[in-house]
């Protein structure tokens, strides 16, 4: 099962900077405009390291130079004792409702190949992003951005040890999320957390590319430093761990906007779907909340998606309960554990079978955009910015884990865990000569 260790990370000196001004979202969700805004907040914002200035490969060297400068200047300093960093995020859900607090903690996870079945992926990764992150790892010799993984703890046995954490900082970000960082250092609490996680596998919620990159970097470093100890720092990956059984773990849907098809007809789409789906036509011009509510109700009966067209028409398509999916031309080729998941039904039975968007084109996002805001996406399709919008229900964590434990993966953007885990709370350096303390 999973093997974790406490962090003794680099952290920002809070006597010199405020965390709110130097943290950033994960690198892969930051637009050019947001990067500029983050850089303007503080000259030491971590975005300058995770998305460094420069052309070509020179940008990775620039990140390494900046990191060294900040360490020399005392902006980043190493903590004086190991610990787990409890991290609470309190937020209002994007779709409304009362405030929720998601609690987890930053830790180091021993890197193992995905084939070992200890760290479980649920999405395929792409070569380009992994090469980019590998070059950053090599240049900085640092794990700058945490992953996000889920463990099993149905009885909340780790709640007590995590409650012993001592506060470090609290702040809010412009998106309205309140963040609270605290540190667990008591030996008995550290040992209890290590033991508790050691009974579980870990499901990657976010950061598949980062984890696979870290595995590759660890293999390279081990070959270059064969005398490195079994607890050498490069053998571990910094991760935010959250309880996958916690009701405050919220997953939201990611929708699909389809564009740039050579030809598209909403009538042909609906007619073609009727062989496998039950259609529920919605009132013309229905607002996003109306479509979302209808989709949520349909989802109680079976895998469902909603399709919306530029002329105001919309319909909910629910897979027929008596459908023999083994006979379906595309779904029949998918593993049985995937055939009745909403995202696989959309990608295989609609995007591929009805619209002709191949799996390769889907992976390359040739005809797809992945918005999270249903209302904004509906406005876009009705403004003619796309050919059709498919609205989705959220994928339950239990379903994601079931697929992952079966050794399968889901289509891209199957999950949207909200909020994102910030970068800059802690930084894990990867020196093969630095060994982690035992709990």
Protein backbone atom coordinates (compact mmCIF):
# COMPACT_ATOMS: atom_id res chain seq x y z
CA UNK A 1 0.00 0.00 0.00
CA UNK A 2 0.96 3.70 -0.05
CA UNK A 3 4.13 4.87 1.68
CA UNK A 4 4.26 8.53 2.73
CA UNK A 5 6.72 10.72 4.59
CA UNK A 6 6.71 14.08 6.33
CA UNK A 7 7.98 17.19 4.52
CA UNK A 8 10.87 19.41 5.48
CA UNK A 9 10.21 21.80 2.60
CA UNK A 10 11.28 25.19 1.42
CA UNK A 11 8.64 27.74 2.37
CA UNK A 12 8.22 31.46 1.90
CA UNK A 13 9.50 33.52 4.84
CA UNK A 14 6.21 34.95 6.09
CA UNK A 15 8.07 37.76 7.79
CA UNK A 16 8.94 39.05 4.34
CA UNK A 17 5.97 38.15 2.14
CA UNK A 18 2.30 37.35 2.58
CA UNK A 19 1.23 33.98 1.20
CA UNK A 20 -1.75 35.50 -0.59
CA UNK A 21 0.58 37.47 -2.84
CA UNK A 22 2.98 34.68 -3.78
CA UNK A 23 0.83 31.56 -4.31
CA UNK A 24 -0.70 30.57 -7.65
CA UNK A 25 -3.11 28.01 -9.11
CA UNK A 26 -1.67 24.92 -10.83
CA UNK A 27 0.41 25.83 -13.88
CA UNK A 28 -1.93 24.14 -16.36
CA UNK A 29 -4.95 26.32 -15.59
CA UNK A 30 -3.19 29.71 -15.68
CA UNK A 31 -3.94 31.91 -18.69
CA UNK A 32 -1.48 34.49 -20.04
CA UNK A 33 -3.62 37.25 -18.51
CA UNK A 34 -3.72 35.55 -15.11
CA UNK A 35 0.02 34.96 -15.19
CA UNK A 36 0.59 38.68 -15.76
CA UNK A 37 -1.72 39.52 -12.86
CA UNK A 38 0.08 37.06 -10.55
CA UNK A 39 3.47 38.47 -11.50
CA UNK A 40 2.20 41.96 -10.71
CA UNK A 41 1.12 40.92 -7.22
CA UNK A 42 4.64 40.23 -6.02
CA UNK A 43 8.05 39.87 -7.72
CA UNK A 44 8.44 36.56 -5.87
CA UNK A 45 5.17 34.98 -6.95
CA UNK A 46 5.69 31.27 -7.56
CA UNK A 47 4.20 31.59 -11.06
CA UNK A 48 7.62 32.92 -12.12
CA UNK A 49 9.01 29.46 -11.30
CA UNK A 50 6.26 27.21 -12.62
CA UNK A 51 5.69 29.25 -15.81
CA UNK A 52 9.05 30.99 -16.20
CA UNK A 53 9.98 33.76 -18.62
CA UNK A 54 12.08 32.96 -21.65
CA UNK A 55 11.97 31.37 -25.06
CA UNK A 56 12.45 27.67 -25.71
CA UNK A 57 14.49 25.78 -23.17
CA UNK A 58 16.08 28.95 -21.78
CA UNK A 59 13.02 29.45 -19.59
CA UNK A 60 13.85 26.36 -17.50
CA UNK A 61 17.33 27.67 -16.73
CA UNK A 62 15.75 31.00 -15.83
CA UNK A 63 13.48 29.26 -13.31
CA UNK A 64 16.50 27.57 -11.73
CA UNK A 65 18.33 30.90 -11.48
CA UNK A 66 15.35 32.59 -9.84
CA UNK A 67 14.93 29.76 -7.36
CA UNK A 68 18.59 30.00 -6.38
CA UNK A 69 18.32 33.79 -6.01
CA UNK A 70 15.26 33.56 -3.78
CA UNK A 71 16.93 30.96 -1.57
CA UNK A 72 20.11 33.02 -1.29
CA UNK A 73 18.10 36.11 -0.40
CA UNK A 74 16.14 34.26 2.30
CA UNK A 75 12.79 34.65 0.56
CA UNK A 76 12.53 30.85 0.54
CA UNK A 77 13.86 29.06 3.61
CA UNK A 78 13.85 25.43 4.69
CA UNK A 79 11.67 24.46 7.63
CA UNK A 80 13.56 23.34 10.71
CA UNK A 81 11.59 20.15 11.38
CA UNK A 82 9.52 17.71 9.31
CA UNK A 83 5.76 17.67 9.38
CA UNK A 84 2.54 17.24 7.48
CA UNK A 85 0.90 20.49 6.39
CA UNK A 86 -2.84 20.47 6.95
CA UNK A 87 -4.55 22.55 4.32
CA UNK A 88 -8.17 23.68 4.58
CA UNK A 89 -10.03 25.37 1.74
CA UNK A 90 -13.43 26.93 2.50
CA UNK A 91 -15.57 27.96 -0.44
CA UNK A 92 -19.01 28.46 -1.87
CA UNK A 93 -19.75 25.82 -4.53
CA UNK A 94 -19.86 27.22 -8.08
CA UNK A 95 -23.42 25.94 -8.46
CA UNK A 96 -24.62 27.59 -5.23
CA UNK A 97 -25.26 26.35 -1.71
CA UNK A 98 -23.67 26.83 1.71
CA UNK A 99 -19.96 27.10 2.42
CA UNK A 100 -17.92 23.89 2.34
CA UNK A 101 -14.53 23.21 3.88
CA UNK A 102 -12.30 20.61 2.24
CA UNK A 103 -9.53 19.40 4.53
CA UNK A 104 -6.41 17.55 3.46
CA UNK A 105 -2.67 17.73 4.01
CA UNK A 106 0.56 18.10 2.10
CA UNK A 107 2.84 15.07 2.34
CA UNK A 108 5.48 13.19 0.41
CA UNK A 109 4.39 10.04 -1.41
CA UNK A 110 6.98 7.44 -2.34
CA UNK A 111 7.17 7.27 -6.13
CA UNK A 112 6.19 3.92 -7.61
CA UNK A 113 5.29 2.99 -11.19
CA UNK A 114 1.59 3.15 -11.95
CA UNK A 115 1.78 -0.53 -12.86
CA UNK A 116 2.33 -1.34 -9.16
CA UNK A 117 -1.35 -0.59 -8.46
CA UNK A 118 -0.58 1.59 -5.42
CA UNK A 119 -1.02 5.00 -7.06
CA UNK A 120 -4.03 4.78 -9.36
CA UNK A 121 -4.54 7.05 -12.40
CA UNK A 122 -7.95 7.70 -13.90
CA UNK A 123 -6.92 9.64 -17.02
CA UNK A 124 -4.40 9.17 -19.81
CA UNK A 125 -1.56 11.64 -20.05
CA UNK A 126 -0.10 13.46 -23.05
CA UNK A 127 3.57 13.55 -24.02
CA UNK A 128 3.91 17.33 -24.45
CA UNK A 129 3.02 18.42 -20.90
CA UNK A 130 5.22 15.70 -19.40
CA UNK A 131 8.25 16.78 -21.43
CA UNK A 132 7.70 20.38 -20.32
CA UNK A 133 7.50 19.47 -16.63
CA UNK A 134 10.48 17.08 -16.92
CA UNK A 135 12.68 19.89 -18.24
CA UNK A 136 11.58 22.04 -15.28
CA UNK A 137 12.36 19.20 -12.84
CA UNK A 138 15.80 18.74 -14.37
CA UNK A 139 16.66 22.44 -14.31
CA UNK A 140 15.42 23.24 -10.80
CA UNK A 141 15.89 19.80 -9.17
CA UNK A 142 12.70 20.69 -7.38
CA UNK A 143 9.09 19.52 -7.09
CA UNK A 144 7.39 22.91 -7.21
CA UNK A 145 3.73 21.94 -7.69
CA UNK A 146 1.90 19.38 -5.55
CA UNK A 147 -0.23 16.62 -6.95
CA UNK A 148 -3.67 15.83 -5.54
CA UNK A 149 -4.56 12.31 -4.42
CA UNK A 150 -7.39 10.64 -2.52
CA UNK A 151 -7.06 8.02 0.21
CA UNK A 152 -9.59 5.73 1.91
CA UNK A 153 -10.70 6.65 5.45
CA UNK A 154 -14.42 5.95 5.77
CA UNK A 155 -14.30 6.17 9.57
CA UNK A 156 -12.31 9.40 9.70
CA UNK A 157 -9.45 7.86 11.66
CA UNK A 158 -7.00 10.54 10.52
CA UNK A 159 -9.23 13.41 11.67
CA UNK A 160 -7.77 13.34 15.18
CA UNK A 161 -4.08 13.39 14.22
CA UNK A 162 -4.74 16.16 11.68
CA UNK A 163 -6.57 18.20 14.34
CA UNK A 164 -3.28 18.53 16.25
CA UNK A 165 -1.86 20.87 13.58
CA UNK A 166 -0.57 24.28 14.68
CA UNK A 167 -1.71 27.26 12.53
CA UNK A 168 0.75 28.88 10.16
CA UNK A 169 -1.26 31.24 7.95
CA UNK A 170 -4.74 32.12 6.72
CA UNK A 171 -5.66 34.16 3.67
CA UNK A 172 -8.23 34.48 0.91
CA UNK A 173 -7.73 34.49 -2.85
CA UNK A 174 -9.64 36.61 -5.40
CA UNK A 175 -11.84 33.64 -6.31
CA UNK A 176 -13.39 33.81 -2.84
CA UNK A 177 -11.70 30.71 -1.45
CA UNK A 178 -10.39 30.97 2.14
CA UNK A 179 -7.16 29.03 2.76
CA UNK A 180 -5.75 27.92 6.13
CA UNK A 181 -2.35 26.25 6.49
CA UNK A 182 -1.25 24.46 9.67
CA UNK A 183 1.53 22.02 10.56
CA UNK A 184 1.41 18.61 12.26
CA UNK A 185 4.67 17.86 14.11
CA UNK A 186 3.74 15.66 17.09
CA UNK A 187 5.50 12.30 16.68
CA UNK A 188 2.44 10.22 17.59
CA UNK A 189 0.27 12.17 15.12
CA UNK A 190 2.86 11.81 12.34
CA UNK A 191 3.12 8.07 12.94
CA UNK A 192 -0.67 7.65 13.00
CA UNK A 193 -1.02 9.46 9.68
CA UNK A 194 1.72 7.38 8.04
CA UNK A 195 0.11 4.18 9.33
CA UNK A 196 -3.37 5.25 8.23
CA UNK A 197 -2.32 6.09 4.68
CA UNK A 198 -0.32 2.87 4.59
CA UNK A 199 -3.61 0.93 4.60
CA UNK A 200 -4.85 2.62 1.42
CA UNK A 201 -4.15 2.93 -2.25
CA UNK A 202 -4.03 6.49 -3.61
CA UNK A 203 -6.24 7.70 -6.45
CA UNK A 204 -4.84 10.60 -8.48
CA UNK A 205 -7.47 13.34 -8.49
CA UNK A 206 -5.33 15.92 -10.28
CA UNK A 207 -1.73 16.07 -11.45
CA UNK A 208 -1.35 12.92 -13.55
CA UNK A 209 1.33 14.56 -15.71
CA UNK A 210 3.23 15.78 -12.66
CA UNK A 211 3.26 12.35 -11.03
CA UNK A 212 4.42 10.49 -14.13
CA UNK A 213 7.10 13.14 -14.67
CA UNK A 214 8.30 12.72 -11.08
CA UNK A 215 8.55 8.94 -11.54
CA UNK A 216 10.69 9.42 -14.64
CA UNK A 217 12.87 12.04 -12.95
CA UNK A 218 13.40 9.75 -9.94
CA UNK A 219 14.50 6.93 -12.23
CA UNK A 220 16.98 9.22 -14.00
CA UNK A 221 18.37 10.54 -10.72
CA UNK A 222 18.71 7.06 -9.21
CA UNK A 223 20.76 5.95 -12.22
CA UNK A 224 23.00 9.02 -11.89
CA UNK A 225 23.35 8.60 -8.09
CA UNK A 226 23.39 4.83 -7.44
CA UNK A 227 24.56 5.29 -3.83
CA UNK A 228 21.47 7.34 -2.88
CA UNK A 229 19.66 5.94 0.15
CA UNK A 230 16.18 4.37 0.14
CA UNK A 231 14.68 7.52 1.69
CA UNK A 232 16.50 9.96 -0.59
CA UNK A 233 14.39 13.05 -1.31
CA UNK A 234 14.16 12.45 -5.07
CA UNK A 235 12.26 9.20 -4.45
CA UNK A 236 9.22 11.12 -3.13
CA UNK A 237 6.58 13.35 -4.70
CA UNK A 238 4.85 16.22 -2.89
CA UNK A 239 1.10 15.67 -2.86
CA UNK A 240 -2.05 17.08 -1.31
CA UNK A 241 -3.86 14.12 0.22
CA UNK A 242 -7.60 14.28 0.93
CA UNK A 243 -10.02 11.70 2.25
CA UNK A 244 -11.92 10.28 -0.73
CA UNK A 245 -14.73 9.27 1.65
CA UNK A 246 -15.23 12.81 2.99
CA UNK A 247 -18.67 14.23 2.07
CA UNK A 248 -17.02 17.66 1.75
CA UNK A 249 -14.97 16.38 -1.17
CA UNK A 250 -16.84 18.01 -4.03
CA UNK A 251 -16.59 17.07 -7.69
CA UNK A 252 -18.13 19.26 -10.36
CA UNK A 253 -18.73 18.49 -14.03
CA UNK A 254 -16.69 19.61 -16.99
CA UNK A 255 -18.81 20.21 -20.09
CA UNK A 256 -17.94 19.86 -23.78
CA UNK A 257 -18.24 22.46 -26.52
CA UNK A 258 -17.94 20.96 -30.00
CA UNK A 259 -16.63 23.16 -32.81
CA UNK A 260 -15.05 23.08 -36.27
CA UNK A 261 -16.76 19.94 -37.57
CA UNK A 262 -16.98 19.91 -41.36
CA UNK A 263 -20.73 19.44 -41.05
CA UNK A 264 -23.15 19.34 -38.13
CA UNK A 265 -26.91 18.91 -37.84
CA UNK A 266 -28.69 18.93 -34.50
CA UNK A 267 -31.62 17.06 -36.08
CA UNK A 268 -29.34 14.27 -37.31
CA UNK A 269 -27.65 14.09 -33.90
CA UNK A 270 -30.95 13.59 -32.07
CA UNK A 271 -32.30 11.18 -34.67
CA UNK A 272 -29.11 9.12 -34.60
CA UNK A 273 -29.13 9.00 -30.80
CA UNK A 274 -32.64 7.54 -30.56
CA UNK A 275 -31.45 4.00 -31.29
CA UNK A 276 -29.61 3.93 -27.96
CA UNK A 277 -30.97 6.88 -25.96
CA UNK A 278 -34.27 8.15 -24.65
CA UNK A 279 -34.74 11.79 -25.65
CA UNK A 280 -36.34 14.39 -23.37
CA UNK A 281 -36.87 17.59 -25.35
CA UNK A 282 -36.63 20.73 -23.22
CA UNK A 283 -38.37 24.08 -23.77
CA UNK A 284 -36.73 26.17 -26.48
CA UNK A 285 -34.44 28.78 -24.95
CA UNK A 286 -34.25 26.95 -21.60
CA UNK A 287 -31.79 28.59 -19.22
CA UNK A 288 -28.75 26.71 -17.96
CA UNK A 289 -30.25 25.96 -14.49
CA UNK A 290 -33.32 24.41 -16.15
CA UNK A 291 -31.18 22.17 -18.35
CA UNK A 292 -28.90 21.23 -15.45
CA UNK A 293 -31.86 20.28 -13.22
CA UNK A 294 -33.38 18.13 -15.96
CA UNK A 295 -30.03 16.47 -16.55
CA UNK A 296 -29.57 15.79 -12.84
CA UNK A 297 -32.99 14.10 -12.66
CA UNK A 298 -32.28 12.04 -15.76
CA UNK A 299 -28.98 10.94 -14.28
CA UNK A 300 -30.85 9.12 -11.53
CA UNK A 301 -32.19 6.74 -14.20
CA UNK A 302 -28.95 6.09 -16.07
CA UNK A 303 -26.01 7.64 -17.92
CA UNK A 304 -27.20 11.00 -19.32
CA UNK A 305 -25.98 14.06 -21.18
CA UNK A 306 -27.75 17.22 -22.33
CA UNK A 307 -27.24 18.64 -25.81
CA UNK A 308 -27.85 22.33 -26.55
CA UNK A 309 -27.94 23.99 -29.98
CA UNK A 310 -27.51 27.56 -31.21
CA UNK A 311 -31.21 28.02 -32.05
CA UNK A 312 -32.25 27.51 -28.42
CA UNK A 313 -33.19 23.85 -28.67
CA UNK A 314 -31.96 21.46 -25.99
CA UNK A 315 -32.55 17.83 -25.12
CA UNK A 316 -31.48 15.37 -22.46
CA UNK A 317 -30.28 12.02 -23.79
CA UNK A 318 -30.42 9.06 -21.37
CA UNK A 319 -28.95 5.71 -22.27
CA UNK A 320 -31.68 3.09 -22.58
CA UNK A 321 -31.65 0.77 -19.57
CA UNK A 322 -32.27 -2.28 -21.78
CA UNK A 323 -29.57 -1.42 -24.32
CA UNK A 324 -27.18 -4.28 -25.14
CA UNK A 325 -23.99 -2.26 -25.00
CA UNK A 326 -21.84 -5.19 -26.07
CA UNK A 327 -23.46 -4.77 -29.50
CA UNK A 328 -22.75 -1.02 -29.71
CA UNK A 329 -20.17 -0.27 -32.44
CA UNK A 330 -17.97 1.84 -30.16
CA UNK A 331 -19.14 1.35 -26.56
CA UNK A 332 -19.00 -2.40 -27.11
CA UNK A 333 -15.23 -2.09 -27.55
CA UNK A 334 -14.83 -0.32 -24.21
CA UNK A 335 -14.18 -2.21 -20.95
CA UNK A 336 -17.41 -3.15 -19.18
CA UNK A 337 -16.54 -0.98 -16.16
CA UNK A 338 -16.62 2.08 -18.44
CA UNK A 339 -19.67 1.42 -20.60
CA UNK A 340 -22.23 2.99 -18.29
CA UNK A 341 -20.23 6.01 -17.15
CA UNK A 342 -21.53 9.33 -18.44
CA UNK A 343 -18.22 10.47 -19.88
CA UNK A 344 -17.51 7.24 -21.73
CA UNK A 345 -21.05 7.21 -23.11
CA UNK A 346 -20.59 10.76 -24.38
CA UNK A 347 -17.12 10.25 -25.84
CA UNK A 348 -17.74 6.84 -27.41
CA UNK A 349 -21.45 6.69 -28.24
CA UNK A 350 -21.95 10.34 -29.23
CA UNK A 351 -18.72 12.15 -30.05
CA UNK A 352 -17.14 9.19 -31.83
CA UNK A 353 -20.08 7.16 -33.13
CA UNK A 354 -22.47 9.98 -34.09
CA UNK A 355 -20.21 12.97 -34.75
CA UNK A 356 -17.16 11.18 -36.09
CA UNK A 357 -14.68 12.72 -33.65
CA UNK A 358 -12.03 10.02 -33.33
CA UNK A 359 -10.35 9.17 -30.01
CA UNK A 360 -7.16 10.69 -31.42
CA UNK A 361 -8.95 13.96 -32.25
CA UNK A 362 -10.53 13.93 -28.80
CA UNK A 363 -7.14 13.54 -27.13
CA UNK A 364 -5.74 16.38 -29.25
CA UNK A 365 -8.79 18.56 -28.45
CA UNK A 366 -9.16 19.15 -32.18
CA UNK A 367 -12.90 19.78 -31.98
CA UNK A 368 -13.43 20.12 -28.24
CA UNK A 369 -13.31 22.76 -25.55
CA UNK A 370 -13.86 21.91 -21.89
CA UNK A 371 -15.75 24.69 -20.05
CA UNK A 372 -16.79 24.38 -16.41
CA UNK A 373 -19.33 27.22 -16.34
CA UNK A 374 -22.59 25.85 -17.76
CA UNK A 375 -24.25 29.24 -18.22
CA UNK A 376 -21.24 30.77 -20.00
CA UNK A 377 -20.90 27.74 -22.25
CA UNK A 378 -24.60 27.88 -23.13
CA UNK A 379 -24.22 31.55 -24.03
CA UNK A 380 -21.27 30.67 -26.26
CA UNK A 381 -23.12 28.02 -28.25
CA UNK A 382 -26.19 30.25 -28.63
CA UNK A 383 -23.93 33.03 -29.87
CA UNK A 384 -22.65 30.71 -32.59
CA UNK A 385 -19.19 30.23 -31.10
CA UNK A 386 -19.58 26.44 -31.21
CA UNK A 387 -21.75 23.91 -33.01
CA UNK A 388 -23.20 22.08 -30.01
CA UNK A 389 -22.78 22.01 -26.25
CA UNK A 390 -22.92 18.85 -24.17
CA UNK A 391 -23.65 19.47 -20.50
CA UNK A 392 -22.58 16.80 -18.02
CA UNK A 393 -23.36 15.59 -14.53
CA UNK A 394 -20.43 15.29 -12.15
CA UNK A 395 -18.63 11.93 -12.05
CA UNK A 396 -18.88 10.45 -8.52
CA UNK A 397 -15.57 9.68 -6.80
CA UNK A 398 -16.75 6.10 -6.19
CA UNK A 399 -17.17 5.63 -9.93
CA UNK A 400 -13.73 7.08 -10.67
CA UNK A 401 -12.11 4.77 -8.10
CA UNK A 402 -13.98 1.73 -9.43
CA UNK A 403 -12.64 2.39 -12.93
CA UNK A 404 -9.10 3.04 -11.66
CA UNK A 405 -9.05 -0.07 -9.47
CA UNK A 406 -10.07 -2.10 -12.51
CA UNK A 407 -6.92 -0.83 -14.22
CA UNK A 408 -8.81 1.35 -16.69
CA UNK A 409 -8.82 5.08 -17.40
CA UNK A 410 -11.59 7.52 -18.21
CA UNK A 411 -11.74 10.11 -21.01
CA UNK A 412 -9.97 13.43 -20.46
CA UNK A 413 -11.57 15.96 -18.13
CA UNK A 414 -13.81 13.37 -16.48
CA UNK A 415 -13.50 15.10 -13.11
CA UNK A 416 -13.25 18.66 -11.82
CA UNK A 417 -12.24 18.75 -8.16
CA UNK A 418 -12.97 22.20 -6.78
CA UNK A 419 -11.15 24.24 -5.62
CA UNK A 420 -7.71 23.75 -7.13
CA UNK A 421 -4.77 23.12 -4.78
CA UNK A 422 -2.48 26.15 -4.69
CA UNK A 423 1.18 26.08 -5.63
CA UNK A 424 3.63 27.90 -3.36
CA UNK A 425 2.54 26.68 0.07
CA UNK A 426 5.56 24.37 0.22
CA UNK A 427 8.35 23.32 -2.17
CA UNK A 428 10.04 19.91 -2.13
CA UNK A 429 13.67 19.77 -3.25
CA UNK A 430 14.95 16.57 -4.86
CA UNK A 431 18.57 16.16 -3.80
CA UNK A 432 19.56 12.46 -3.85
CA UNK A 433 21.99 13.11 -0.98
CA UNK A 434 19.24 14.48 1.31
CA UNK A 435 17.47 11.70 3.22
CA UNK A 436 14.06 12.05 4.80
CA UNK A 437 13.64 11.49 8.51
CA UNK A 438 11.72 8.40 9.58
CA UNK A 439 8.45 9.09 11.46
